[in-house]
Amino acid sequence: IARLSCDVLALSAEAAELGDRVTAPDAWTGASLAHAAVSAALGLLRSNLAMLSDSALAHAPREEAETLQHRANALLDTARIAVKHVAG
């Protein structure tokens, strides 16, 4: 869910960059919802990883979660800047 939501967020950020005053709010809504989905999915993943008895098994998924969260945050910033530029 986190990976796919991050992909949706990337598309929303691109739509924000290519959009105009009419479509910018829709792109921002999509970006915000996709970012929330990424954060929620990663929160659930982190909770599940914390329950593992073997912490070594959690290392790779935890690293991927961090990467996805950073990507999602950057994409949300991209969308925010684009919408602000287009919509004023």
PDB file of N, CA and C in Angstrom:
ATOM      1  N   ILE A   1       0.833  -1.190   0.000  1.00  0.00           N
ATOM      2  CA  ILE A   1       0.000   0.000   0.000  1.00  0.00           C
ATOM      3  C   ILE A   1       0.873   1.248   0.000  1.00  0.00           C
ATOM      4  N   ALA A   2       1.926   1.236   0.802  1.00  0.00           N
ATOM      5  CA  ALA A   2       2.802   2.409   0.876  1.00  0.00           C
ATOM      6  C   ALA A   2       3.480   2.676  -0.467  1.00  0.00           C
ATOM      7  N   ARG A   3       3.961   1.621  -1.110  1.00  0.00           N
ATOM      8  CA  ARG A   3       4.624   1.807  -2.411  1.00  0.00           C
ATOM      9  C   ARG A   3       3.656   2.365  -3.450  1.00  0.00           C
ATOM     10  N   LEU A   4       2.485   1.766  -3.543  1.00  0.00           N
ATOM     11  CA  LEU A   4       1.505   2.207  -4.543  1.00  0.00           C
ATOM     12  C   LEU A   4       1.001   3.613  -4.238  1.00  0.00           C
ATOM     13  N   SER A   5       0.802   3.919  -2.977  1.00  0.00           N
ATOM     14  CA  SER A   5       0.359   5.260  -2.600  1.00  0.00           C
ATOM     15  C   SER A   5       1.424   6.297  -2.921  1.00  0.00           C
ATOM     16  N   CYS A   6       2.674   5.913  -2.790  1.00  0.00           N
ATOM     17  CA  CYS A   6       3.769   6.816  -3.150  1.00  0.00           C
ATOM     18  C   CYS A   6       3.760   7.063  -4.660  1.00  0.00           C
ATOM     19  N   ASP A   7       3.436   6.048  -5.428  1.00  0.00           N
ATOM     20  CA  ASP A   7       3.311   6.223  -6.882  1.00  0.00           C
ATOM     21  C   ASP A   7       2.163   7.173  -7.223  1.00  0.00           C
ATOM     22  N   VAL A   8       1.045   7.031  -6.518  1.00  0.00           N
ATOM     23  CA  VAL A   8      -0.090   7.941  -6.727  1.00  0.00           C
ATOM     24  C   VAL A   8       0.309   9.359  -6.342  1.00  0.00           C
ATOM     25  N   LEU A   9       1.052   9.483  -5.271  1.00  0.00           N
ATOM     26  CA  LEU A   9       1.537  10.794  -4.841  1.00  0.00           C
ATOM     27  C   LEU A   9       2.426  11.427  -5.900  1.00  0.00           C
ATOM     28  N   ALA A  10       3.271  10.631  -6.529  1.00  0.00           N
ATOM     29  CA  ALA A  10       4.134  11.140  -7.608  1.00  0.00           C
ATOM     30  C   ALA A  10       3.289  11.645  -8.772  1.00  0.00           C
ATOM     31  N   LEU A  11       2.247  10.904  -9.117  1.00  0.00           N
ATOM     32  CA  LEU A  11       1.355  11.341 -10.199  1.00  0.00           C
ATOM     33  C   LEU A  11       0.617  12.618  -9.817  1.00  0.00           C
ATOM     34  N   SER A  12       0.196  12.718  -8.579  1.00  0.00           N
ATOM     35  CA  SER A  12      -0.489  13.930  -8.114  1.00  0.00           C
ATOM     36  C   SER A  12       0.437  15.131  -8.137  1.00  0.00           C
ATOM     37  N   ALA A  13       1.690  14.932  -7.741  1.00  0.00           N
ATOM     38  CA  ALA A  13       2.663  16.023  -7.783  1.00  0.00           C
ATOM     39  C   ALA A  13       2.910  16.466  -9.218  1.00  0.00           C
ATOM     40  N   GLU A  14       2.991  15.501 -10.120  1.00  0.00           N
ATOM     41  CA  GLU A  14       3.163  15.832 -11.537  1.00  0.00           C
ATOM     42  C   GLU A  14       1.947  16.590 -12.061  1.00  0.00           C
ATOM     43  N   ALA A  15       0.755  16.150 -11.671  1.00  0.00           N
ATOM     44  CA  ALA A  15      -0.468  16.848 -12.087  1.00  0.00           C
ATOM     45  C   ALA A  15      -0.481  18.274 -11.547  1.00  0.00           C
ATOM     46  N   ALA A  16       0.010  18.462 -10.344  1.00  0.00           N
ATOM     47  CA  ALA A  16       0.074  19.808  -9.768  1.00  0.00           C
ATOM     48  C   ALA A  16       1.024  20.687 -10.569  1.00  0.00           C
ATOM     49  N   GLU A  17       2.146  20.128 -10.973  1.00  0.00           N
ATOM     50  CA  GLU A  17       3.122  20.902 -11.750  1.00  0.00           C
ATOM     51  C   GLU A  17       2.588  21.251 -13.132  1.00  0.00           C
ATOM     52  N   LEU A  18       1.783  20.379 -13.714  1.00  0.00           N
ATOM     53  CA  LEU A  18       1.256  20.592 -15.062  1.00  0.00           C
ATOM     54  C   LEU A  18      -0.102  21.288 -15.064  1.00  0.00           C
ATOM     55  N   GLY A  19      -0.682  21.444 -13.897  1.00  0.00           N
ATOM     56  CA  GLY A  19      -2.037  21.945 -13.796  1.00  0.00           C
ATOM     57  C   GLY A  19      -2.161  23.452 -13.894  1.00  0.00           C
ATOM     58  N   ASP A  20      -3.391  23.889 -13.700  1.00  0.00           N
ATOM     59  CA  ASP A  20      -3.704  25.312 -13.734  1.00  0.00           C
ATOM     60  C   ASP A  20      -4.553  25.635 -12.497  1.00  0.00           C
ATOM     61  N   ARG A  21      -5.094  26.844 -12.453  1.00  0.00           N
ATOM     62  CA  ARG A  21      -5.872  27.276 -11.282  1.00  0.00           C
ATOM     63  C   ARG A  21      -7.087  26.389 -11.008  1.00  0.00           C
ATOM     64  N   VAL A  22      -7.633  25.808 -12.060  1.00  0.00           N
ATOM     65  CA  VAL A  22      -8.821  24.969 -11.899  1.00  0.00           C
ATOM     66  C   VAL A  22      -8.458  23.590 -11.363  1.00  0.00           C
ATOM     67  N   THR A  23      -7.379  23.017 -11.858  1.00  0.00           N
ATOM     68  CA  THR A  23      -7.029  21.641 -11.492  1.00  0.00           C
ATOM     69  C   THR A  23      -6.088  21.546 -10.288  1.00  0.00           C
ATOM     70  N   ALA A  24      -5.453  22.637  -9.923  1.00  0.00           N
ATOM     71  CA  ALA A  24      -4.489  22.611  -8.818  1.00  0.00           C
ATOM     72  C   ALA A  24      -5.101  22.106  -7.506  1.00  0.00           C
ATOM     73  N   PRO A  25      -6.291  22.562  -7.123  1.00  0.00           N
ATOM     74  CA  PRO A  25      -6.864  22.036  -5.872  1.00  0.00           C
ATOM     75  C   PRO A  25      -7.117  20.532  -5.912  1.00  0.00           C
ATOM     76  N   ASP A  26      -7.492  20.018  -7.066  1.00  0.00           N
ATOM     77  CA  ASP A  26      -7.697  18.572  -7.192  1.00  0.00           C
ATOM     78  C   ASP A  26      -6.375  17.820  -7.052  1.00  0.00           C
ATOM     79  N   ALA A  27      -5.335  18.350  -7.661  1.00  0.00           N
ATOM     80  CA  ALA A  27      -4.018  17.718  -7.553  1.00  0.00           C
ATOM     81  C   ALA A  27      -3.540  17.756  -6.106  1.00  0.00           C
ATOM     82  N   TRP A  28      -3.782  18.864  -5.416  1.00  0.00           N
ATOM     83  CA  TRP A  28      -3.375  18.978  -4.014  1.00  0.00           C
ATOM     84  C   TRP A  28      -4.144  17.980  -3.147  1.00  0.00           C
ATOM     85  N   THR A  29      -5.438  17.823  -3.417  1.00  0.00           N
ATOM     86  CA  THR A  29      -6.236  16.856  -2.668  1.00  0.00           C
ATOM     87  C   THR A  29      -5.700  15.444  -2.876  1.00  0.00           C
ATOM     88  N   GLY A  30      -5.413  15.097  -4.119  1.00  0.00           N
ATOM     89  CA  GLY A  30      -4.853  13.778  -4.406  1.00  0.00           C
ATOM     90  C   GLY A  30      -3.517  13.556  -3.720  1.00  0.00           C
ATOM     91  N   ALA A  31      -2.667  14.578  -3.761  1.00  0.00           N
ATOM     92  CA  ALA A  31      -1.354  14.465  -3.122  1.00  0.00           C
ATOM     93  C   ALA A  31      -1.493  14.304  -1.610  1.00  0.00           C
ATOM     94  N   SER A  32      -2.382  15.072  -1.015  1.00  0.00           N
ATOM     95  CA  SER A  32      -2.575  15.000   0.438  1.00  0.00           C
ATOM     96  C   SER A  32      -3.104  13.636   0.869  1.00  0.00           C
ATOM     97  N   LEU A  33      -4.075  13.126   0.123  1.00  0.00           N
ATOM     98  CA  LEU A  33      -4.639  11.821   0.463  1.00  0.00           C
ATOM     99  C   LEU A  33      -3.623  10.697   0.259  1.00  0.00           C
ATOM    100  N   ALA A  34      -2.868  10.780  -0.818  1.00  0.00           N
ATOM    101  CA  ALA A  34      -1.848   9.752  -1.071  1.00  0.00           C
ATOM    102  C   ALA A  34      -0.767   9.798   0.011  1.00  0.00           C
ATOM    103  N   HIS A  35      -0.373  10.998   0.425  1.00  0.00           N
ATOM    104  CA  HIS A  35       0.629  11.133   1.486  1.00  0.00           C
ATOM    105  C   HIS A  35       0.102  10.527   2.786  1.00  0.00           C
ATOM    106  N   ALA A  36      -1.162  10.775   3.089  1.00  0.00           N
ATOM    107  CA  ALA A  36      -1.763  10.197   4.294  1.00  0.00           C
ATOM    108  C   ALA A  36      -1.771   8.672   4.214  1.00  0.00           C
ATOM    109  N   ALA A  37      -2.054   8.129   3.036  1.00  0.00           N
ATOM    110  CA  ALA A  37      -2.058   6.671   2.864  1.00  0.00           C
ATOM    111  C   ALA A  37      -0.661   6.090   3.064  1.00  0.00           C
ATOM    112  N   VAL A  38       0.357   6.773   2.538  1.00  0.00           N
ATOM    113  CA  VAL A  38       1.738   6.316   2.739  1.00  0.00           C
ATOM    114  C   VAL A  38       2.065   6.307   4.226  1.00  0.00           C
ATOM    115  N   SER A  39       1.781   7.406   4.894  1.00  0.00           N
ATOM    116  CA  SER A  39       2.107   7.522   6.320  1.00  0.00           C
ATOM    117  C   SER A  39       1.372   6.479   7.152  1.00  0.00           C
ATOM    118  N   ALA A  40       0.105   6.255   6.848  1.00  0.00           N
ATOM    119  CA  ALA A  40      -0.667   5.263   7.599  1.00  0.00           C
ATOM    120  C   ALA A  40      -0.129   3.848   7.372  1.00  0.00           C
ATOM    121  N   ALA A  41       0.157   3.518   6.134  1.00  0.00           N
ATOM    122  CA  ALA A  41       0.679   2.184   5.828  1.00  0.00           C
ATOM    123  C   ALA A  41       2.033   1.964   6.492  1.00  0.00           C
ATOM    124  N   LEU A  42       2.871   2.980   6.473  1.00  0.00           N
ATOM    125  CA  LEU A  42       4.189   2.838   7.086  1.00  0.00           C
ATOM    126  C   LEU A  42       4.096   2.784   8.608  1.00  0.00           C
ATOM    127  N   GLY A  43       3.133   3.474   9.176  1.00  0.00           N
ATOM    128  CA  GLY A  43       2.921   3.383  10.619  1.00  0.00           C
ATOM    129  C   GLY A  43       2.528   1.978  11.034  1.00  0.00           C
ATOM    130  N   LEU A  44       1.654   1.371  10.256  1.00  0.00           N
ATOM    131  CA  LEU A  44       1.249  -0.003  10.520  1.00  0.00           C
ATOM    132  C   LEU A  44       2.438  -0.952  10.354  1.00  0.00           C
ATOM    133  N   LEU A  45       3.229  -0.732   9.316  1.00  0.00           N
ATOM    134  CA  LEU A  45       4.414  -1.567   9.101  1.00  0.00           C
ATOM    135  C   LEU A  45       5.370  -1.463  10.289  1.00  0.00           C
ATOM    136  N   ARG A  46       5.622  -0.249  10.734  1.00  0.00           N
ATOM    137  CA  ARG A  46       6.541  -0.066  11.869  1.00  0.00           C
ATOM    138  C   ARG A  46       6.011  -0.764  13.126  1.00  0.00           C
ATOM    139  N   SER A  47       4.705  -0.696  13.351  1.00  0.00           N
ATOM    140  CA  SER A  47       4.112  -1.387  14.509  1.00  0.00           C
ATOM    141  C   SER A  47       4.305  -2.886  14.404  1.00  0.00           C
ATOM    142  N   ASN A  48       4.090  -3.418  13.223  1.00  0.00           N
ATOM    143  CA  ASN A  48       4.273  -4.855  13.031  1.00  0.00           C
ATOM    144  C   ASN A  48       5.739  -5.260  13.175  1.00  0.00           C
ATOM    145  N   LEU A  49       6.640  -4.440  12.658  1.00  0.00           N
ATOM    146  CA  LEU A  49       8.065  -4.757  12.772  1.00  0.00           C
ATOM    147  C   LEU A  49       8.527  -4.738  14.222  1.00  0.00           C
ATOM    148  N   ALA A  50       7.938  -3.878  15.024  1.00  0.00           N
ATOM    149  CA  ALA A  50       8.315  -3.790  16.432  1.00  0.00           C
ATOM    150  C   ALA A  50       7.965  -5.065  17.190  1.00  0.00           C
ATOM    151  N   MET A  51       7.042  -5.843  16.673  1.00  0.00           N
ATOM    152  CA  MET A  51       6.631  -7.079  17.341  1.00  0.00           C
ATOM    153  C   MET A  51       7.502  -8.276  16.967  1.00  0.00           C
ATOM    154  N   LEU A  52       8.393  -8.105  16.004  1.00  0.00           N
ATOM    155  CA  LEU A  52       9.264  -9.222  15.609  1.00  0.00           C
ATOM    156  C   LEU A  52      10.259  -9.525  16.718  1.00  0.00           C
ATOM    157  N   SER A  53      10.456 -10.802  16.977  1.00  0.00           N
ATOM    158  CA  SER A  53      11.435 -11.191  17.986  1.00  0.00           C
ATOM    159  C   SER A  53      12.858 -11.107  17.444  1.00  0.00           C
ATOM    160  N   ASP A  54      13.008 -11.228  16.123  1.00  0.00           N
ATOM    161  CA  ASP A  54      14.322 -11.146  15.484  1.00  0.00           C
ATOM    162  C   ASP A  54      14.439  -9.776  14.814  1.00  0.00           C
ATOM    163  N   SER A  55      15.117  -8.843  15.455  1.00  0.00           N
ATOM    164  CA  SER A  55      15.200  -7.478  14.935  1.00  0.00           C
ATOM    165  C   SER A  55      15.980  -7.399  13.619  1.00  0.00           C
ATOM    166  N   ALA A  56      16.805  -8.396  13.330  1.00  0.00           N
ATOM    167  CA  ALA A  56      17.547  -8.400  12.066  1.00  0.00           C
ATOM    168  C   ALA A  56      16.592  -8.532  10.873  1.00  0.00           C
ATOM    169  N   LEU A  57      15.493  -9.238  11.077  1.00  0.00           N
ATOM    170  CA  LEU A  57      14.499  -9.381  10.004  1.00  0.00           C
ATOM    171  C   LEU A  57      13.824  -8.052   9.677  1.00  0.00           C
ATOM    172  N   ALA A  58      13.811  -7.149  10.624  1.00  0.00           N
ATOM    173  CA  ALA A  58      13.131  -5.865  10.441  1.00  0.00           C
ATOM    174  C   ALA A  58      14.001  -4.830   9.748  1.00  0.00           C
ATOM    175  N   HIS A  59      15.280  -5.089   9.634  1.00  0.00           N
ATOM    176  CA  HIS A  59      16.196  -4.067   9.121  1.00  0.00           C
ATOM    177  C   HIS A  59      15.853  -3.604   7.701  1.00  0.00           C
ATOM    178  N   ALA A  60      15.736  -4.516   6.763  1.00  0.00           N
ATOM    179  CA  ALA A  60      15.476  -4.132   5.362  1.00  0.00           C
ATOM    180  C   ALA A  60      14.112  -3.447   5.205  1.00  0.00           C
ATOM    181  N   PRO A  61      13.034  -3.993   5.784  1.00  0.00           N
ATOM    182  CA  PRO A  61      11.752  -3.290   5.658  1.00  0.00           C
ATOM    183  C   PRO A  61      11.769  -1.911   6.325  1.00  0.00           C
ATOM    184  N   ARG A  62      12.491  -1.791   7.423  1.00  0.00           N
ATOM    185  CA  ARG A  62      12.580  -0.496   8.112  1.00  0.00           C
ATOM    186  C   ARG A  62      13.311   0.520   7.242  1.00  0.00           C
ATOM    187  N   GLU A  63      14.365   0.074   6.576  1.00  0.00           N
ATOM    188  CA  GLU A  63      15.109   0.958   5.657  1.00  0.00           C
ATOM    189  C   GLU A  63      14.230   1.397   4.492  1.00  0.00           C
ATOM    190  N   GLU A  64      13.482   0.461   3.923  1.00  0.00           N
ATOM    191  CA  GLU A  64      12.590   0.801   2.819  1.00  0.00           C
ATOM    192  C   GLU A  64      11.506   1.769   3.283  1.00  0.00           C
ATOM    193  N   ALA A  65      11.008   1.566   4.488  1.00  0.00           N
ATOM    194  CA  ALA A  65       9.990   2.463   5.029  1.00  0.00           C
ATOM    195  C   ALA A  65      10.528   3.888   5.142  1.00  0.00           C
ATOM    196  N   GLU A  66      11.750   4.017   5.615  1.00  0.00           N
ATOM    197  CA  GLU A  66      12.369   5.344   5.720  1.00  0.00           C
ATOM    198  C   GLU A  66      12.513   5.991   4.347  1.00  0.00           C
ATOM    199  N   THR A  67      12.947   5.216   3.376  1.00  0.00           N
ATOM    200  CA  THR A  67      13.098   5.722   2.012  1.00  0.00           C
ATOM    201  C   THR A  67      11.764   6.179   1.443  1.00  0.00           C
ATOM    202  N   LEU A  68      10.732   5.363   1.633  1.00  0.00           N
ATOM    203  CA  LEU A  68       9.406   5.719   1.134  1.00  0.00           C
ATOM    204  C   LEU A  68       8.869   6.969   1.830  1.00  0.00           C
ATOM    205  N   GLN A  69       9.086   7.083   3.131  1.00  0.00           N
ATOM    206  CA  GLN A  69       8.602   8.266   3.853  1.00  0.00           C
ATOM    207  C   GLN A  69       9.296   9.528   3.364  1.00  0.00           C
ATOM    208  N   HIS A  70      10.598   9.454   3.152  1.00  0.00           N
ATOM    209  CA  HIS A  70      11.340  10.616   2.623  1.00  0.00           C
ATOM    210  C   HIS A  70      10.848  10.979   1.229  1.00  0.00           C
ATOM    211  N   ARG A  71      10.637   9.972   0.399  1.00  0.00           N
ATOM    212  CA  ARG A  71      10.138  10.234  -0.960  1.00  0.00           C
ATOM    213  C   ARG A  71       8.756  10.875  -0.903  1.00  0.00           C
ATOM    214  N   ALA A  72       7.885  10.341  -0.060  1.00  0.00           N
ATOM    215  CA  ALA A  72       6.529  10.886   0.063  1.00  0.00           C
ATOM    216  C   ALA A  72       6.562  12.328   0.549  1.00  0.00           C
ATOM    217  N   ASN A  73       7.406  12.616   1.523  1.00  0.00           N
ATOM    218  CA  ASN A  73       7.506  13.984   2.033  1.00  0.00           C
ATOM    219  C   ASN A  73       8.003  14.941   0.952  1.00  0.00           C
ATOM    220  N   ALA A  74       8.996  14.505   0.188  1.00  0.00           N
ATOM    221  CA  ALA A  74       9.532  15.345  -0.886  1.00  0.00           C
ATOM    222  C   ALA A  74       8.488  15.584  -1.974  1.00  0.00           C
ATOM    223  N   LEU A  75       7.743  14.540  -2.315  1.00  0.00           N
ATOM    224  CA  LEU A  75       6.712  14.691  -3.339  1.00  0.00           C
ATOM    225  C   LEU A  75       5.579  15.606  -2.868  1.00  0.00           C
ATOM    226  N   LEU A  76       5.223  15.513  -1.601  1.00  0.00           N
ATOM    227  CA  LEU A  76       4.191  16.405  -1.075  1.00  0.00           C
ATOM    228  C   LEU A  76       4.675  17.854  -1.123  1.00  0.00           C
ATOM    229  N   ASP A  77       5.940  18.073  -0.790  1.00  0.00           N
ATOM    230  CA  ASP A  77       6.511  19.425  -0.896  1.00  0.00           C
ATOM    231  C   ASP A  77       6.485  19.914  -2.338  1.00  0.00           C
ATOM    232  N   THR A  78       6.823  19.041  -3.277  1.00  0.00           N
ATOM    233  CA  THR A  78       6.777  19.393  -4.701  1.00  0.00           C
ATOM    234  C   THR A  78       5.373  19.811  -5.102  1.00  0.00           C
ATOM    235  N   ALA A  79       4.393  19.032  -4.683  1.00  0.00           N
ATOM    236  CA  ALA A  79       2.995  19.351  -5.011  1.00  0.00           C
ATOM    237  C   ALA A  79       2.582  20.667  -4.374  1.00  0.00           C
ATOM    238  N   ARG A  80       2.970  20.878  -3.127  1.00  0.00           N
ATOM    239  CA  ARG A  80       2.608  22.106  -2.413  1.00  0.00           C
ATOM    240  C   ARG A  80       3.177  23.333  -3.118  1.00  0.00           C
ATOM    241  N   ILE A  81       4.427  23.259  -3.500  1.00  0.00           N
ATOM    242  CA  ILE A  81       5.081  24.378  -4.182  1.00  0.00           C
ATOM    243  C   ILE A  81       4.425  24.624  -5.530  1.00  0.00           C
ATOM    244  N   ALA A  82       4.141  23.566  -6.264  1.00  0.00           N
ATOM    245  CA  ALA A  82       3.536  23.704  -7.581  1.00  0.00           C
ATOM    246  C   ALA A  82       2.137  24.324  -7.483  1.00  0.00           C
ATOM    247  N   VAL A  83       1.356  23.863  -6.534  1.00  0.00           N
ATOM    248  CA  VAL A  83      -0.001  24.392  -6.369  1.00  0.00           C
ATOM    249  C   VAL A  83       0.047  25.856  -5.946  1.00  0.00           C
ATOM    250  N   LYS A  84       0.939  26.164  -5.031  1.00  0.00           N
ATOM    251  CA  LYS A  84       1.069  27.554  -4.588  1.00  0.00           C
ATOM    252  C   LYS A  84       1.479  28.455  -5.753  1.00  0.00           C
ATOM    253  N   HIS A  85       2.365  27.970  -6.592  1.00  0.00           N
ATOM    254  CA  HIS A  85       2.824  28.746  -7.751  1.00  0.00           C
ATOM    255  C   HIS A  85       1.695  28.957  -8.754  1.00  0.00           C
ATOM    256  N   VAL A  86       0.930  27.916  -9.007  1.00  0.00           N
ATOM    257  CA  VAL A  86      -0.143  27.979 -10.008  1.00  0.00           C
ATOM    258  C   VAL A  86      -1.366  28.711  -9.483  1.00  0.00           C
ATOM    259  N   ALA A  87      -1.762  28.380  -8.258  1.00  0.00           N
ATOM    260  CA  ALA A  87      -3.026  28.911  -7.719  1.00  0.00           C
ATOM    261  C   ALA A  87      -2.842  30.236  -6.973  1.00  0.00           C
ATOM    262  N   GLY A  88      -1.601  30.530  -6.628  1.00  0.00           N
ATOM    263  CA  GLY A  88      -1.349  31.797  -5.949  1.00  0.00           C
ATOM    264  C   GLY A  88      -1.570  31.761  -4.539  1.00  0.00           C
TER     265      GLY A  88
END
